[in-house]
Amino acid sequence: MIDLVSDNNASHQPATFKIGVEVGSDKKDGIKVMGTHSIEIPILLTN
């Protein structure tokens, strides 16, 4: 669980927050590369 709490003293209050999730791996030139697939999930911050 992620608990997001607004900062009432902040000068800019965005309407959304984006969280990114990466999964998967691959090998390129013998080096393992992580996070080959990703998605951004917008989270609405308004009440």
N, C-alpha and C. Protein backbone atom coordinates (compact mmCIF):
# COMPACT_ATOMS: atom_id res chain seq x y z
N MET A 1 0.84 -1.15 0.00
CA MET A 1 0.00 0.00 0.00
C MET A 1 0.90 1.23 0.00
N ILE A 2 0.49 2.23 -0.76
CA ILE A 2 1.16 3.53 -0.79
C ILE A 2 0.16 4.57 -0.30
N ASP A 3 0.51 5.27 0.76
CA ASP A 3 -0.36 6.29 1.33
C ASP A 3 0.14 7.66 0.89
N LEU A 4 -0.64 8.36 0.06
CA LEU A 4 -0.27 9.68 -0.43
C LEU A 4 -0.99 10.74 0.39
N VAL A 5 -0.22 11.66 0.95
CA VAL A 5 -0.79 12.72 1.77
C VAL A 5 -0.43 14.06 1.12
N SER A 6 -1.42 14.90 0.88
CA SER A 6 -1.15 16.19 0.24
C SER A 6 -0.44 17.14 1.19
N ASP A 7 0.34 18.03 0.60
CA ASP A 7 1.05 19.06 1.35
C ASP A 7 0.31 20.37 1.13
N ASN A 8 -0.45 20.81 2.12
CA ASN A 8 -1.26 22.02 1.99
C ASN A 8 -0.43 23.28 1.83
N ASN A 9 0.87 23.23 2.16
CA ASN A 9 1.75 24.39 2.02
C ASN A 9 2.45 24.45 0.66
N ALA A 10 2.27 23.43 -0.18
CA ALA A 10 2.92 23.40 -1.48
C ALA A 10 2.28 24.42 -2.42
N SER A 11 3.11 25.04 -3.26
CA SER A 11 2.60 26.06 -4.19
C SER A 11 1.89 25.41 -5.38
N HIS A 12 2.23 24.18 -5.72
CA HIS A 12 1.62 23.49 -6.87
C HIS A 12 1.05 22.15 -6.40
N GLN A 13 -0.22 21.94 -6.60
CA GLN A 13 -0.89 20.68 -6.23
C GLN A 13 -1.36 20.00 -7.51
N PRO A 14 -0.63 19.02 -8.02
CA PRO A 14 -1.05 18.33 -9.25
C PRO A 14 -2.32 17.52 -9.02
N ALA A 15 -3.08 17.33 -10.09
CA ALA A 15 -4.32 16.56 -10.02
C ALA A 15 -4.06 15.06 -10.09
N THR A 16 -2.92 14.68 -10.67
CA THR A 16 -2.58 13.25 -10.79
C THR A 16 -1.13 13.02 -10.40
N PHE A 17 -0.86 11.78 -10.02
CA PHE A 17 0.47 11.32 -9.69
C PHE A 17 0.71 10.08 -10.55
N LYS A 18 1.85 9.99 -11.21
CA LYS A 18 2.14 8.82 -12.04
C LYS A 18 3.14 7.92 -11.33
N ILE A 19 2.80 6.64 -11.29
CA ILE A 19 3.70 5.64 -10.73
C ILE A 19 4.09 4.70 -11.88
N GLY A 20 5.36 4.37 -11.94
CA GLY A 20 5.83 3.49 -13.00
C GLY A 20 6.14 2.11 -12.47
N VAL A 21 5.80 1.10 -13.25
CA VAL A 21 6.07 -0.29 -12.89
C VAL A 21 6.84 -0.93 -14.05
N GLU A 22 7.98 -1.55 -13.74
CA GLU A 22 8.79 -2.23 -14.75
C GLU A 22 8.89 -3.71 -14.41
N VAL A 23 8.81 -4.54 -15.44
CA VAL A 23 8.96 -6.00 -15.27
C VAL A 23 9.80 -6.54 -16.42
N GLY A 24 10.24 -7.76 -16.27
CA GLY A 24 10.94 -8.45 -17.34
C GLY A 24 12.43 -8.22 -17.33
N SER A 25 13.13 -9.03 -18.11
CA SER A 25 14.58 -8.90 -18.27
C SER A 25 14.97 -9.50 -19.61
N ASP A 26 16.18 -9.16 -20.03
CA ASP A 26 16.72 -9.65 -21.30
C ASP A 26 18.24 -9.61 -21.19
N LYS A 27 18.92 -10.28 -22.11
CA LYS A 27 20.38 -10.20 -22.16
C LYS A 27 20.78 -9.48 -23.44
N LYS A 28 21.64 -8.46 -23.29
CA LYS A 28 22.17 -7.73 -24.44
C LYS A 28 23.68 -7.71 -24.30
N ASP A 29 24.37 -8.25 -25.29
CA ASP A 29 25.83 -8.33 -25.28
C ASP A 29 26.34 -9.02 -24.01
N GLY A 30 25.61 -10.04 -23.55
CA GLY A 30 26.02 -10.80 -22.37
C GLY A 30 25.72 -10.13 -21.04
N ILE A 31 25.05 -8.98 -21.07
CA ILE A 31 24.71 -8.25 -19.84
C ILE A 31 23.20 -8.33 -19.63
N LYS A 32 22.78 -8.69 -18.42
CA LYS A 32 21.36 -8.77 -18.11
C LYS A 32 20.78 -7.36 -17.93
N VAL A 33 19.72 -7.07 -18.66
CA VAL A 33 19.04 -5.79 -18.61
C VAL A 33 17.69 -6.00 -17.93
N MET A 34 17.43 -5.24 -16.88
CA MET A 34 16.17 -5.37 -16.14
C MET A 34 15.16 -4.34 -16.62
N GLY A 35 13.89 -4.61 -16.40
CA GLY A 35 12.82 -3.64 -16.71
C GLY A 35 12.61 -3.44 -18.19
N THR A 36 12.53 -4.52 -18.95
CA THR A 36 12.36 -4.39 -20.39
C THR A 36 10.94 -4.01 -20.80
N HIS A 37 9.99 -4.18 -19.92
CA HIS A 37 8.61 -3.78 -20.18
C HIS A 37 8.17 -2.87 -19.03
N SER A 38 7.46 -1.80 -19.38
CA SER A 38 7.05 -0.87 -18.33
C SER A 38 5.68 -0.27 -18.65
N ILE A 39 5.06 0.26 -17.61
CA ILE A 39 3.78 0.93 -17.75
C ILE A 39 3.73 2.06 -16.71
N GLU A 40 3.10 3.18 -17.08
CA GLU A 40 2.86 4.27 -16.13
C GLU A 40 1.39 4.23 -15.75
N ILE A 41 1.12 4.32 -14.46
CA ILE A 41 -0.26 4.27 -13.95
C ILE A 41 -0.57 5.62 -13.32
N PRO A 42 -1.52 6.38 -13.91
CA PRO A 42 -1.89 7.65 -13.31
C PRO A 42 -2.81 7.42 -12.11
N ILE A 43 -2.55 8.15 -11.02
CA ILE A 43 -3.36 8.04 -9.82
C ILE A 43 -3.99 9.41 -9.56
N LEU A 44 -5.29 9.47 -9.51
CA LEU A 44 -6.03 10.72 -9.28
C LEU A 44 -5.85 11.17 -7.84
N LEU A 45 -5.45 12.43 -7.63
CA LEU A 45 -5.17 12.92 -6.29
C LEU A 45 -6.25 13.84 -5.73
N THR A 46 -7.32 14.05 -6.45
CA THR A 46 -8.38 14.93 -5.96
C THR A 46 -9.39 14.17 -5.13
N ASN A 47 -10.05 14.87 -4.26
CA ASN A 47 -11.07 14.23 -3.40
C ASN A 47 -12.40 14.13 -4.10
